[in-house]
Amino acid sequence: MNTLPDHPDIRAAELTGYPAGYRFPKPVGQCLYCGDDIVEGDCVKSFDGMFCDIECCHNYYEIKETEIY
């Protein structure tokens, strides 16, 4: 007896945890500040490199954010 559902999307999700046809993001580099891996579409680009988020970018260039009143 087959215990998995018959629909291909449900079967793929049950077996892999991802829907059928899911495209895994491609790694594009490492963050200059923390060294974490950066995946395609999820980064902050600078003139001399990439960062995983804006906080790492600010920390790398020692930019302090201040509140304007």
Protein backbone atom coordinates (compact mmCIF):
# COMPACT_ATOMS: atom_id res chain seq x y z
CA MET A 1 0.00 0.00 0.00
CA ASN A 2 1.32 3.45 -0.99
CA THR A 3 1.23 5.83 1.99
CA LEU A 4 2.35 8.91 0.02
CA PRO A 5 -0.23 11.19 -1.62
CA ASP A 6 -0.55 10.92 -5.40
CA HIS A 7 -0.12 14.59 -6.37
CA PRO A 8 3.49 15.29 -7.51
CA ASP A 9 3.75 18.55 -5.55
CA ILE A 10 2.67 16.89 -2.32
CA ARG A 11 4.91 13.87 -2.95
CA ALA A 12 7.94 16.13 -3.59
CA ALA A 13 7.21 18.14 -0.45
CA GLU A 14 6.87 14.98 1.64
CA LEU A 15 10.13 13.52 0.34
CA THR A 16 12.35 16.63 0.16
CA GLY A 17 10.61 19.34 2.18
CA TYR A 18 10.33 21.52 -0.93
CA PRO A 19 7.64 21.78 -3.60
CA ALA A 20 8.19 20.17 -7.01
CA GLY A 21 10.25 22.40 -9.30
CA TYR A 22 11.73 24.42 -6.43
CA ARG A 23 14.86 26.28 -7.57
CA PHE A 24 17.52 26.40 -4.91
CA PRO A 25 19.23 29.81 -4.74
CA LYS A 26 22.75 29.87 -6.16
CA PRO A 27 25.63 30.96 -3.93
CA VAL A 28 27.26 34.13 -5.28
CA GLY A 29 29.97 34.80 -2.71
CA GLN A 30 30.76 35.56 0.91
CA CYS A 31 30.05 38.61 3.07
CA LEU A 32 33.12 40.84 3.41
CA TYR A 33 32.31 41.54 7.06
CA CYS A 34 31.07 38.31 8.67
CA GLY A 35 32.06 35.72 6.04
CA ASP A 36 28.58 34.16 5.72
CA ASP A 37 27.61 32.71 2.37
CA ILE A 38 25.52 35.01 0.18
CA VAL A 39 22.87 33.57 -2.13
CA GLU A 40 21.54 35.08 -5.34
CA GLY A 41 19.06 37.91 -4.78
CA ASP A 42 19.83 38.29 -1.07
CA CYS A 43 22.71 40.73 -0.70
CA VAL A 44 23.84 44.33 -0.43
CA LYS A 45 26.33 45.29 -3.14
CA SER A 46 29.02 47.89 -2.63
CA PHE A 47 31.65 49.28 -4.99
CA ASP A 48 34.24 46.88 -3.60
CA GLY A 49 32.25 43.81 -2.51
CA MET A 50 29.07 42.20 -1.21
CA PHE A 51 27.49 41.94 2.23
CA CYS A 52 24.78 39.64 3.57
CA ASP A 53 22.75 42.58 4.93
CA ILE A 54 22.89 46.33 5.47
CA GLU A 55 24.10 45.94 9.06
CA CYS A 56 27.25 44.10 7.93
CA CYS A 57 27.80 46.79 5.30
CA HIS A 58 27.52 49.56 7.91
CA ASN A 59 29.80 47.69 10.32
CA TYR A 60 32.43 47.10 7.62
CA TYR A 61 32.58 50.80 6.71
CA GLU A 62 32.08 51.86 10.36
CA ILE A 63 28.93 53.82 9.55
CA LYS A 64 26.96 54.89 12.60
CA GLU A 65 23.24 55.45 12.20
CA THR A 66 21.79 58.39 14.06
CA GLU A 67 18.21 59.43 14.58
CA ILE A 68 17.16 62.76 13.14
CA TYR A 69 14.70 64.71 15.25
